[in-house]
Amino acid sequence: MVTYRMDEINELIRKELALLIQRNFPDFLVSVTQVKVSKDLSYAKVWISSLTDPEKVARILQKEAGSFRKTMAGKVILRRVPSLHFVADLTGTEANKIDRLLQKIKDEEK
């Protein structure tokens, strides 16, 4: 069960990472869609979406995860700043595929 405190920590890290990414990669159009921090604060899974290839962007951001963590350690007040693992949020891509398939079915029925 996720507690209110964990929700606050997830949101705090999401906001800080969004700002860091915006500052360090101004040419990227990236959104931090969700963050899930482990209960012991040792690990955070960060979902990102992008207009360009989100998997490529996630790999690029993963290379910078250590520097993001160091920067966040000076900005957020937590017992431990978690190590970051970036993954592509493909929800939008999958939704577009489903919409195209539904449209194709609808067109075939006509």
N, C-alpha and C. Protein backbone atom coordinates (compact mmCIF):
# COMPACT_ATOMS: atom_id res chain seq x y z
N MET A 1 0.84 -1.19 0.00
CA MET A 1 0.00 0.00 0.00
C MET A 1 0.88 1.24 0.00
N VAL A 2 0.62 2.15 -0.93
CA VAL A 2 1.40 3.37 -1.04
C VAL A 2 0.84 4.39 -0.07
N THR A 3 1.73 4.98 0.70
CA THR A 3 1.30 5.96 1.68
C THR A 3 1.33 7.36 1.08
N TYR A 4 0.70 8.28 1.78
CA TYR A 4 0.67 9.67 1.37
C TYR A 4 2.09 10.22 1.27
N ARG A 5 2.95 9.83 2.19
CA ARG A 5 4.34 10.30 2.20
C ARG A 5 5.07 9.86 0.94
N MET A 6 4.86 8.62 0.52
CA MET A 6 5.51 8.12 -0.69
C MET A 6 5.01 8.88 -1.92
N ASP A 7 3.72 9.20 -1.94
CA ASP A 7 3.18 9.99 -3.05
C ASP A 7 3.87 11.36 -3.11
N GLU A 8 4.09 11.96 -1.95
CA GLU A 8 4.77 13.26 -1.90
C GLU A 8 6.21 13.15 -2.40
N ILE A 9 6.90 12.10 -2.01
CA ILE A 9 8.29 11.90 -2.44
C ILE A 9 8.34 11.67 -3.95
N ASN A 10 7.44 10.83 -4.47
CA ASN A 10 7.38 10.59 -5.91
C ASN A 10 7.19 11.89 -6.68
N GLU A 11 6.26 12.71 -6.21
CA GLU A 11 5.97 13.98 -6.89
C GLU A 11 7.13 14.97 -6.76
N LEU A 12 7.77 15.03 -5.61
CA LEU A 12 8.92 15.90 -5.41
C LEU A 12 10.04 15.55 -6.38
N ILE A 13 10.35 14.28 -6.48
CA ILE A 13 11.42 13.85 -7.38
C ILE A 13 11.02 14.08 -8.83
N ARG A 14 9.76 13.84 -9.17
CA ARG A 14 9.29 14.07 -10.54
C ARG A 14 9.48 15.53 -10.95
N LYS A 15 9.09 16.44 -10.06
CA LYS A 15 9.21 17.87 -10.36
C LYS A 15 10.68 18.29 -10.49
N GLU A 16 11.52 17.85 -9.57
CA GLU A 16 12.94 18.21 -9.61
C GLU A 16 13.61 17.68 -10.86
N LEU A 17 13.31 16.43 -11.22
CA LEU A 17 13.91 15.86 -12.43
C LEU A 17 13.44 16.60 -13.68
N ALA A 18 12.18 16.96 -13.72
CA ALA A 18 11.66 17.70 -14.88
C ALA A 18 12.43 19.01 -15.05
N LEU A 19 12.68 19.70 -13.96
CA LEU A 19 13.45 20.95 -14.03
C LEU A 19 14.89 20.71 -14.45
N LEU A 20 15.52 19.68 -13.89
CA LEU A 20 16.90 19.36 -14.24
C LEU A 20 17.04 19.00 -15.71
N ILE A 21 16.12 18.20 -16.20
CA ILE A 21 16.18 17.79 -17.60
C ILE A 21 15.98 19.00 -18.51
N GLN A 22 15.05 19.86 -18.13
CA GLN A 22 14.78 21.06 -18.93
C GLN A 22 16.02 21.96 -18.98
N ARG A 23 16.72 22.10 -17.85
CA ARG A 23 17.91 22.95 -17.80
C ARG A 23 19.08 22.34 -18.56
N ASN A 24 19.30 21.04 -18.37
CA ASN A 24 20.47 20.38 -18.96
C ASN A 24 20.28 19.97 -20.42
N PHE A 25 19.04 19.77 -20.84
CA PHE A 25 18.75 19.35 -22.21
C PHE A 25 17.63 20.24 -22.78
N PRO A 26 17.92 21.52 -23.03
CA PRO A 26 16.86 22.42 -23.47
C PRO A 26 16.30 22.07 -24.86
N ASP A 27 17.05 21.31 -25.66
CA ASP A 27 16.58 20.94 -26.99
C ASP A 27 15.63 19.76 -26.97
N PHE A 28 15.60 19.01 -25.86
CA PHE A 28 14.72 17.85 -25.75
C PHE A 28 13.32 18.29 -25.35
N LEU A 29 12.33 17.71 -25.98
CA LEU A 29 10.96 17.90 -25.53
C LEU A 29 10.58 16.66 -24.75
N VAL A 30 10.81 16.72 -23.44
CA VAL A 30 10.66 15.55 -22.58
C VAL A 30 9.71 15.88 -21.44
N SER A 31 8.86 14.91 -21.11
CA SER A 31 8.00 15.02 -19.93
C SER A 31 8.31 13.87 -18.99
N VAL A 32 8.45 14.18 -17.73
CA VAL A 32 8.58 13.13 -16.72
C VAL A 32 7.15 12.80 -16.31
N THR A 33 6.65 11.66 -16.77
CA THR A 33 5.25 11.34 -16.57
C THR A 33 4.96 10.71 -15.21
N GLN A 34 5.92 9.96 -14.69
CA GLN A 34 5.68 9.28 -13.42
C GLN A 34 7.00 8.88 -12.78
N VAL A 35 7.01 8.86 -11.46
CA VAL A 35 8.16 8.38 -10.69
C VAL A 35 7.64 7.46 -9.60
N LYS A 36 8.28 6.32 -9.46
CA LYS A 36 7.96 5.38 -8.38
C LYS A 36 9.25 5.12 -7.60
N VAL A 37 9.25 5.52 -6.34
CA VAL A 37 10.41 5.35 -5.48
C VAL A 37 10.18 4.13 -4.59
N SER A 38 11.23 3.33 -4.41
CA SER A 38 11.11 2.17 -3.53
C SER A 38 10.92 2.63 -2.09
N LYS A 39 10.36 1.77 -1.27
CA LYS A 39 10.05 2.14 0.12
C LYS A 39 11.27 2.54 0.93
N ASP A 40 12.42 1.94 0.60
CA ASP A 40 13.64 2.28 1.34
C ASP A 40 14.41 3.45 0.72
N LEU A 41 13.82 4.08 -0.28
CA LEU A 41 14.38 5.26 -0.97
C LEU A 41 15.71 4.98 -1.68
N SER A 42 15.96 3.73 -2.01
CA SER A 42 17.23 3.41 -2.66
C SER A 42 17.14 3.44 -4.18
N TYR A 43 15.95 3.38 -4.72
CA TYR A 43 15.76 3.20 -6.16
C TYR A 43 14.53 3.98 -6.63
N ALA A 44 14.64 4.62 -7.77
CA ALA A 44 13.48 5.31 -8.35
C ALA A 44 13.38 4.97 -9.83
N LYS A 45 12.22 4.52 -10.24
CA LYS A 45 11.96 4.26 -11.65
C LYS A 45 11.26 5.49 -12.20
N VAL A 46 11.82 6.05 -13.27
CA VAL A 46 11.34 7.32 -13.82
C VAL A 46 10.85 7.08 -15.25
N TRP A 47 9.56 7.32 -15.49
CA TRP A 47 8.99 7.17 -16.82
C TRP A 47 9.03 8.52 -17.52
N ILE A 48 9.54 8.52 -18.75
CA ILE A 48 9.59 9.75 -19.52
C ILE A 48 8.89 9.54 -20.86
N SER A 49 8.32 10.61 -21.36
CA SER A 49 7.74 10.58 -22.70
C SER A 49 8.39 11.70 -23.50
N SER A 50 8.42 11.48 -24.81
CA SER A 50 9.07 12.45 -25.68
C SER A 50 8.43 12.42 -27.05
N LEU A 51 8.47 13.55 -27.74
CA LEU A 51 7.94 13.60 -29.10
C LEU A 51 8.87 12.86 -30.06
N THR A 52 10.15 12.86 -29.75
CA THR A 52 11.09 12.08 -30.54
C THR A 52 11.09 10.66 -29.99
N ASP A 53 12.07 9.87 -30.31
CA ASP A 53 12.15 8.48 -29.87
C ASP A 53 12.33 8.42 -28.35
N PRO A 54 11.27 8.04 -27.58
CA PRO A 54 11.38 8.06 -26.12
C PRO A 54 12.38 7.04 -25.58
N GLU A 55 12.58 5.94 -26.25
CA GLU A 55 13.55 4.95 -25.77
C GLU A 55 14.98 5.47 -25.91
N LYS A 56 15.26 6.18 -27.00
CA LYS A 56 16.59 6.77 -27.19
C LYS A 56 16.83 7.86 -26.13
N VAL A 57 15.81 8.68 -25.89
CA VAL A 57 15.93 9.75 -24.89
C VAL A 57 16.16 9.14 -23.50
N ALA A 58 15.46 8.05 -23.19
CA ALA A 58 15.64 7.39 -21.89
C ALA A 58 17.08 6.89 -21.73
N ARG A 59 17.65 6.36 -22.80
CA ARG A 59 19.06 5.89 -22.73
C ARG A 59 20.01 7.06 -22.50
N ILE A 60 19.76 8.18 -23.17
CA ILE A 60 20.61 9.36 -22.99
C ILE A 60 20.50 9.87 -21.55
N LEU A 61 19.28 9.95 -21.04
CA LEU A 61 19.09 10.43 -19.67
C LEU A 61 19.69 9.46 -18.65
N GLN A 62 19.64 8.17 -18.94
CA GLN A 62 20.21 7.18 -18.02
C GLN A 62 21.71 7.40 -17.85
N LYS A 63 22.37 7.83 -18.91
CA LYS A 63 23.81 8.11 -18.83
C LYS A 63 24.09 9.26 -17.87
N GLU A 64 23.12 10.16 -17.71
CA GLU A 64 23.27 11.32 -16.83
C GLU A 64 22.65 11.11 -15.45
N ALA A 65 22.17 9.91 -15.17
CA ALA A 65 21.45 9.64 -13.92
C ALA A 65 22.29 9.97 -12.69
N GLY A 66 23.57 9.67 -12.72
CA GLY A 66 24.44 9.96 -11.58
C GLY A 66 24.55 11.45 -11.28
N SER A 67 24.70 12.25 -12.32
CA SER A 67 24.81 13.69 -12.10
C SER A 67 23.46 14.28 -11.66
N PHE A 68 22.35 13.73 -12.19
CA PHE A 68 21.03 14.17 -11.72
C PHE A 68 20.88 13.87 -10.23
N ARG A 69 21.31 12.70 -9.83
CA ARG A 69 21.19 12.30 -8.42
C ARG A 69 22.01 13.23 -7.53
N LYS A 70 23.25 13.54 -7.93
CA LYS A 70 24.10 14.43 -7.14
C LYS A 70 23.48 15.82 -7.02
N THR A 71 22.94 16.33 -8.12
CA THR A 71 22.32 17.65 -8.10
C THR A 71 21.09 17.66 -7.20
N MET A 72 20.28 16.60 -7.30
CA MET A 72 19.08 16.52 -6.47
C MET A 72 19.42 16.41 -4.99
N ALA A 73 20.54 15.77 -4.67
CA ALA A 73 20.93 15.61 -3.27
C ALA A 73 21.11 16.96 -2.59
N GLY A 74 21.53 17.97 -3.35
CA GLY A 74 21.67 19.30 -2.79
C GLY A 74 20.38 20.10 -2.76
N LYS A 75 19.34 19.61 -3.42
CA LYS A 75 18.11 20.38 -3.53
C LYS A 75 16.94 19.81 -2.73
N VAL A 76 16.88 18.51 -2.58
CA VAL A 76 15.76 17.90 -1.87
C VAL A 76 16.22 17.40 -0.51
N ILE A 77 15.33 17.48 0.45
CA ILE A 77 15.66 17.04 1.80
C ILE A 77 15.04 15.67 2.01
N LEU A 78 15.86 14.66 1.80
CA LEU A 78 15.44 13.27 2.00
C LEU A 78 16.54 12.54 2.75
N ARG A 79 16.16 11.51 3.45
CA ARG A 79 17.13 10.69 4.16
C ARG A 79 18.14 10.12 3.18
N ARG A 80 17.66 9.72 2.02
CA ARG A 80 18.51 9.15 0.98
C ARG A 80 17.93 9.55 -0.37
N VAL A 81 18.78 9.99 -1.28
CA VAL A 81 18.33 10.29 -2.64
C VAL A 81 18.48 9.01 -3.44
N PRO A 82 17.41 8.54 -4.06
CA PRO A 82 17.45 7.25 -4.75
C PRO A 82 18.29 7.29 -6.03
N SER A 83 18.81 6.12 -6.39
CA SER A 83 19.43 5.99 -7.71
C SER A 83 18.30 5.98 -8.73
N LEU A 84 18.57 6.53 -9.89
CA LEU A 84 17.52 6.75 -10.89
C LEU A 84 17.64 5.76 -12.04
N HIS A 85 16.51 5.27 -12.47
CA HIS A 85 16.46 4.39 -13.64
C HIS A 85 15.38 4.93 -14.57
N PHE A 86 15.81 5.41 -15.75
CA PHE A 86 14.89 6.02 -16.71
C PHE A 86 14.35 4.97 -17.68
N VAL A 87 13.04 5.00 -17.90
CA VAL A 87 12.41 4.12 -18.88
C VAL A 87 11.45 4.96 -19.73
N ALA A 88 11.25 4.50 -20.96
CA ALA A 88 10.35 5.20 -21.87
C ALA A 88 8.91 4.88 -21.52
N ASP A 89 8.10 5.91 -21.45
CA ASP A 89 6.66 5.74 -21.25
C ASP A 89 6.02 5.67 -22.63
N LEU A 90 5.62 4.49 -23.03
CA LEU A 90 5.08 4.27 -24.36
C LEU A 90 3.55 4.30 -24.40
N THR A 91 2.94 4.82 -23.37
CA THR A 91 1.48 4.87 -23.29
C THR A 91 0.88 5.63 -24.46
N GLY A 92 1.43 6.78 -24.79
CA GLY A 92 0.92 7.58 -25.90
C GLY A 92 1.07 6.87 -27.24
N THR A 93 2.20 6.22 -27.43
CA THR A 93 2.44 5.48 -28.66
C THR A 93 1.45 4.34 -28.80
N GLU A 94 1.25 3.62 -27.72
CA GLU A 94 0.31 2.50 -27.74
C GLU A 94 -1.12 2.99 -27.97
N ALA A 95 -1.48 4.11 -27.38
CA ALA A 95 -2.82 4.66 -27.57
C ALA A 95 -3.04 5.05 -29.04
N ASN A 96 -2.01 5.61 -29.66
CA ASN A 96 -2.11 5.96 -31.08
C ASN A 96 -2.29 4.72 -31.95
N LYS A 97 -1.57 3.65 -31.63
CA LYS A 97 -1.72 2.40 -32.38
C LYS A 97 -3.14 1.87 -32.27
N ILE A 98 -3.69 1.89 -31.08
CA ILE A 98 -5.06 1.40 -30.86
C ILE A 98 -6.05 2.27 -31.62
N ASP A 99 -5.86 3.60 -31.58
CA ASP A 99 -6.75 4.50 -32.32
C ASP A 99 -6.71 4.20 -33.83
N ARG A 100 -5.50 3.98 -34.36
CA ARG A 100 -5.39 3.67 -35.79
C ARG A 100 -6.08 2.35 -36.13
N LEU A 101 -5.92 1.35 -35.27
CA LEU A 101 -6.58 0.06 -35.50
C LEU A 101 -8.10 0.19 -35.45
N LEU A 102 -8.60 0.93 -34.49
CA LEU A 102 -10.04 1.14 -34.39
C LEU A 102 -10.58 1.89 -35.60
N GLN A 103 -9.81 2.89 -36.05
CA GLN A 103 -10.22 3.65 -37.23
C GLN A 103 -10.22 2.75 -38.46
N LYS A 104 -9.24 1.87 -38.56
CA LYS A 104 -9.16 0.94 -39.70
C LYS A 104 -10.38 0.01 -39.70
N ILE A 105 -10.75 -0.49 -38.54
CA ILE A 105 -11.93 -1.37 -38.43
C ILE A 105 -13.18 -0.60 -38.81
N LYS A 106 -13.28 0.63 -38.34
CA LYS A 106 -14.44 1.46 -38.64
C LYS A 106 -14.54 1.73 -40.15
N ASP A 107 -13.40 2.00 -40.79
CA ASP A 107 -13.38 2.25 -42.22
C ASP A 107 -13.76 1.00 -43.02
N GLU A 108 -13.34 -0.16 -42.54
CA GLU A 108 -13.65 -1.42 -43.23
C GLU A 108 -15.14 -1.76 -43.16
N GLU A 109 -15.81 -1.32 -42.09
CA GLU A 109 -17.23 -1.60 -41.92
C GLU A 109 -18.08 -0.79 -42.88
N LYS A 110 -17.57 0.28 -43.39
CA LYS A 110 -18.35 1.16 -44.28
C LYS A 110 -18.52 0.57 -45.63
